[in-house]
Amino acid sequence: MFVDDNGNIAGAPIRLEHGWASDKSVQAAVDAVNTDPKLRTDLLIKARSAREHMLDHNWGNKKNRADEMKALIEKLEGYP
């Protein structure tokens, strides 16, 4: 999950044990975030925690994505 250039929540496939997530499954996840307030709350809690760890430790990551996580947090906090 991330915030796209238009300010919307979006998703992208990730590598799984046996290939990549399909576009259909990614869209299903994005749709779920956009329609389920409990899921958004859970994602917000986890995004805050992930950002905190990125800022404090950034264990072995090639790129610190804390700024991207901040954009997602702000979008989730301001969700209608």
N, C-alpha and C. Protein backbone atom coordinates (compact mmCIF):
# COMPACT_ATOMS: atom_id res chain seq x y z
N MET A 1 0.83 -1.16 0.00
CA MET A 1 0.00 0.00 0.00
C MET A 1 0.88 1.24 0.00
N PHE A 2 0.45 2.23 -0.76
CA PHE A 2 1.16 3.50 -0.82
C PHE A 2 0.18 4.55 -1.33
N VAL A 3 0.59 5.79 -1.28
CA VAL A 3 -0.22 6.88 -1.82
C VAL A 3 0.35 7.21 -3.19
N ASP A 4 -0.52 7.16 -4.21
CA ASP A 4 -0.06 7.41 -5.58
C ASP A 4 0.07 8.91 -5.86
N ASP A 5 0.47 9.25 -7.07
CA ASP A 5 0.69 10.65 -7.45
C ASP A 5 -0.58 11.49 -7.40
N ASN A 6 -1.75 10.84 -7.43
CA ASN A 6 -3.02 11.55 -7.36
C ASN A 6 -3.56 11.65 -5.94
N GLY A 7 -2.80 11.15 -4.96
CA GLY A 7 -3.21 11.22 -3.57
C GLY A 7 -4.16 10.10 -3.14
N ASN A 8 -4.25 9.05 -3.95
CA ASN A 8 -5.12 7.93 -3.63
C ASN A 8 -4.32 6.76 -3.08
N ILE A 9 -4.97 5.94 -2.28
CA ILE A 9 -4.32 4.72 -1.81
C ILE A 9 -4.23 3.77 -2.99
N ALA A 10 -3.05 3.21 -3.18
CA ALA A 10 -2.81 2.29 -4.29
C ALA A 10 -2.00 1.11 -3.77
N GLY A 11 -1.80 0.15 -4.63
CA GLY A 11 -1.01 -1.01 -4.26
C GLY A 11 -0.17 -1.47 -5.44
N ALA A 12 0.77 -2.31 -5.16
CA ALA A 12 1.62 -2.88 -6.20
C ALA A 12 1.91 -4.32 -5.83
N PRO A 13 2.09 -5.17 -6.83
CA PRO A 13 2.37 -6.58 -6.54
C PRO A 13 3.68 -6.75 -5.79
N ILE A 14 3.69 -7.75 -4.92
CA ILE A 14 4.91 -8.10 -4.21
C ILE A 14 5.30 -9.52 -4.61
N ARG A 15 6.55 -9.82 -4.43
CA ARG A 15 7.04 -11.16 -4.73
C ARG A 15 6.62 -12.09 -3.60
N LEU A 16 6.01 -13.19 -3.97
CA LEU A 16 5.59 -14.20 -3.01
C LEU A 16 6.48 -15.43 -3.16
N GLU A 17 6.26 -16.42 -2.33
CA GLU A 17 7.08 -17.62 -2.39
C GLU A 17 7.04 -18.28 -3.77
N HIS A 18 5.86 -18.24 -4.40
CA HIS A 18 5.69 -18.90 -5.70
C HIS A 18 5.24 -17.89 -6.76
N GLY A 19 5.99 -16.82 -6.95
CA GLY A 19 5.64 -15.85 -7.98
C GLY A 19 5.26 -14.50 -7.38
N TRP A 20 4.44 -13.80 -8.11
CA TRP A 20 4.04 -12.44 -7.73
C TRP A 20 2.54 -12.39 -7.45
N ALA A 21 2.12 -11.46 -6.58
CA ALA A 21 0.70 -11.23 -6.38
C ALA A 21 0.11 -10.75 -7.69
N SER A 22 -1.09 -11.20 -8.00
CA SER A 22 -1.74 -10.81 -9.26
C SER A 22 -2.31 -9.40 -9.15
N ASP A 23 -2.51 -8.77 -10.30
CA ASP A 23 -3.15 -7.45 -10.31
C ASP A 23 -4.52 -7.50 -9.65
N LYS A 24 -5.23 -8.60 -9.88
CA LYS A 24 -6.56 -8.77 -9.28
C LYS A 24 -6.49 -8.81 -7.76
N SER A 25 -5.53 -9.54 -7.21
CA SER A 25 -5.42 -9.61 -5.75
C SER A 25 -4.94 -8.29 -5.16
N VAL A 26 -4.09 -7.58 -5.88
CA VAL A 26 -3.66 -6.25 -5.41
C VAL A 26 -4.85 -5.31 -5.39
N GLN A 27 -5.66 -5.32 -6.44
CA GLN A 27 -6.84 -4.45 -6.48
C GLN A 27 -7.83 -4.81 -5.39
N ALA A 28 -7.97 -6.10 -5.09
CA ALA A 28 -8.86 -6.53 -4.01
C ALA A 28 -8.38 -5.97 -2.66
N ALA A 29 -7.07 -5.95 -2.45
CA ALA A 29 -6.52 -5.39 -1.21
C ALA A 29 -6.77 -3.89 -1.14
N VAL A 30 -6.55 -3.18 -2.24
CA VAL A 30 -6.80 -1.73 -2.27
C VAL A 30 -8.28 -1.45 -2.02
N ASP A 31 -9.16 -2.21 -2.66
CA ASP A 31 -10.60 -2.03 -2.46
C ASP A 31 -10.99 -2.27 -1.01
N ALA A 32 -10.38 -3.28 -0.39
CA ALA A 32 -10.68 -3.58 1.01
C ALA A 32 -10.27 -2.41 1.91
N VAL A 33 -9.10 -1.85 1.68
CA VAL A 33 -8.65 -0.70 2.48
C VAL A 33 -9.60 0.48 2.29
N ASN A 34 -10.06 0.68 1.07
CA ASN A 34 -10.94 1.81 0.79
C ASN A 34 -12.35 1.64 1.33
N THR A 35 -12.76 0.42 1.65
CA THR A 35 -14.15 0.21 2.07
C THR A 35 -14.31 -0.27 3.51
N ASP A 36 -13.24 -0.69 4.16
CA ASP A 36 -13.34 -1.29 5.49
C ASP A 36 -12.64 -0.42 6.54
N PRO A 37 -13.41 0.32 7.35
CA PRO A 37 -12.80 1.20 8.35
C PRO A 37 -11.93 0.45 9.37
N LYS A 38 -12.32 -0.76 9.73
CA LYS A 38 -11.52 -1.52 10.70
C LYS A 38 -10.17 -1.91 10.10
N LEU A 39 -10.17 -2.27 8.84
CA LEU A 39 -8.92 -2.61 8.16
C LEU A 39 -8.03 -1.37 8.06
N ARG A 40 -8.61 -0.21 7.75
CA ARG A 40 -7.83 1.03 7.67
C ARG A 40 -7.20 1.35 9.01
N THR A 41 -7.96 1.17 10.10
CA THR A 41 -7.43 1.42 11.44
C THR A 41 -6.27 0.49 11.74
N ASP A 42 -6.42 -0.78 11.40
CA ASP A 42 -5.36 -1.75 11.62
C ASP A 42 -4.12 -1.40 10.79
N LEU A 43 -4.32 -1.03 9.54
CA LEU A 43 -3.22 -0.64 8.67
C LEU A 43 -2.52 0.60 9.21
N LEU A 44 -3.27 1.54 9.73
CA LEU A 44 -2.70 2.76 10.29
C LEU A 44 -1.80 2.44 11.48
N ILE A 45 -2.27 1.59 12.36
CA ILE A 45 -1.48 1.19 13.53
C ILE A 45 -0.18 0.53 13.09
N LYS A 46 -0.27 -0.36 12.12
CA LYS A 46 0.92 -1.07 11.65
C LYS A 46 1.85 -0.14 10.87
N ALA A 47 1.29 0.78 10.12
CA ALA A 47 2.12 1.73 9.37
C ALA A 47 2.89 2.64 10.31
N ARG A 48 2.26 3.08 11.39
CA ARG A 48 2.96 3.91 12.37
C ARG A 48 4.12 3.14 13.00
N SER A 49 3.86 1.90 13.36
CA SER A 49 4.90 1.08 13.97
C SER A 49 6.05 0.84 12.99
N ALA A 50 5.72 0.52 11.75
CA ALA A 50 6.74 0.28 10.73
C ALA A 50 7.59 1.53 10.52
N ARG A 51 6.95 2.69 10.46
CA ARG A 51 7.70 3.94 10.25
C ARG A 51 8.64 4.20 11.42
N GLU A 52 8.15 3.96 12.63
CA GLU A 52 8.99 4.15 13.80
C GLU A 52 10.24 3.28 13.72
N HIS A 53 10.07 2.03 13.33
CA HIS A 53 11.22 1.14 13.21
C HIS A 53 12.14 1.57 12.07
N MET A 54 11.57 2.07 10.99
CA MET A 54 12.40 2.55 9.88
C MET A 54 13.27 3.72 10.32
N LEU A 55 12.69 4.61 11.11
CA LEU A 55 13.44 5.78 11.56
C LEU A 55 14.47 5.42 12.62
N ASP A 56 14.12 4.46 13.48
CA ASP A 56 15.02 4.11 14.58
C ASP A 56 16.12 3.14 14.18
N HIS A 57 15.82 2.24 13.22
CA HIS A 57 16.76 1.16 12.96
C HIS A 57 17.13 1.00 11.49
N ASN A 58 16.13 0.97 10.61
CA ASN A 58 16.32 0.74 9.18
C ASN A 58 17.25 -0.45 8.93
N TRP A 59 16.94 -1.56 9.57
CA TRP A 59 17.79 -2.76 9.52
C TRP A 59 17.99 -3.28 8.12
N GLY A 60 19.12 -2.97 7.52
CA GLY A 60 19.51 -3.58 6.27
C GLY A 60 18.72 -3.16 5.04
N ASN A 61 17.83 -2.21 5.17
CA ASN A 61 17.08 -1.78 3.99
C ASN A 61 17.98 -0.99 3.07
N LYS A 62 17.83 -1.23 1.77
CA LYS A 62 18.62 -0.47 0.80
C LYS A 62 18.19 0.99 0.80
N LYS A 63 16.90 1.22 1.02
CA LYS A 63 16.36 2.57 1.02
C LYS A 63 15.41 2.72 2.20
N ASN A 64 15.56 3.79 2.94
CA ASN A 64 14.65 4.07 4.04
C ASN A 64 13.35 4.64 3.45
N ARG A 65 12.27 3.94 3.64
CA ARG A 65 10.99 4.34 3.07
C ARG A 65 10.07 5.03 4.08
N ALA A 66 10.66 5.62 5.11
CA ALA A 66 9.88 6.28 6.14
C ALA A 66 9.03 7.42 5.58
N ASP A 67 9.55 8.16 4.61
CA ASP A 67 8.77 9.26 4.03
C ASP A 67 7.55 8.74 3.29
N GLU A 68 7.70 7.62 2.59
CA GLU A 68 6.56 7.02 1.90
C GLU A 68 5.53 6.53 2.92
N MET A 69 6.02 5.96 4.02
CA MET A 69 5.12 5.48 5.06
C MET A 69 4.39 6.67 5.70
N LYS A 70 5.09 7.79 5.83
CA LYS A 70 4.46 8.98 6.40
C LYS A 70 3.29 9.43 5.52
N ALA A 71 3.45 9.39 4.22
CA ALA A 71 2.37 9.78 3.31
C ALA A 71 1.17 8.86 3.46
N LEU A 72 1.42 7.56 3.62
CA LEU A 72 0.33 6.61 3.82
C LEU A 72 -0.37 6.87 5.15
N ILE A 73 0.40 7.12 6.19
CA ILE A 73 -0.18 7.41 7.51
C ILE A 73 -1.06 8.65 7.44
N GLU A 74 -0.56 9.71 6.81
CA GLU A 74 -1.35 10.94 6.70
C GLU A 74 -2.64 10.71 5.92
N LYS A 75 -2.57 9.90 4.87
CA LYS A 75 -3.77 9.60 4.08
C LYS A 75 -4.77 8.82 4.93
N LEU A 76 -4.29 7.84 5.65
CA LEU A 76 -5.18 7.03 6.49
C LEU A 76 -5.78 7.83 7.64
N GLU A 77 -4.99 8.74 8.21
CA GLU A 77 -5.49 9.58 9.31
C GLU A 77 -6.59 10.53 8.84
N GLY A 78 -6.49 10.98 7.60
CA GLY A 78 -7.46 11.94 7.07
C GLY A 78 -8.56 11.32 6.27
N TYR A 79 -8.67 9.98 6.32
CA TYR A 79 -9.68 9.30 5.49
C TYR A 79 -11.08 9.70 5.90
N PRO A 80 -11.93 9.94 4.91
CA PRO A 80 -13.32 10.36 5.24
C PRO A 80 -14.11 9.30 5.96
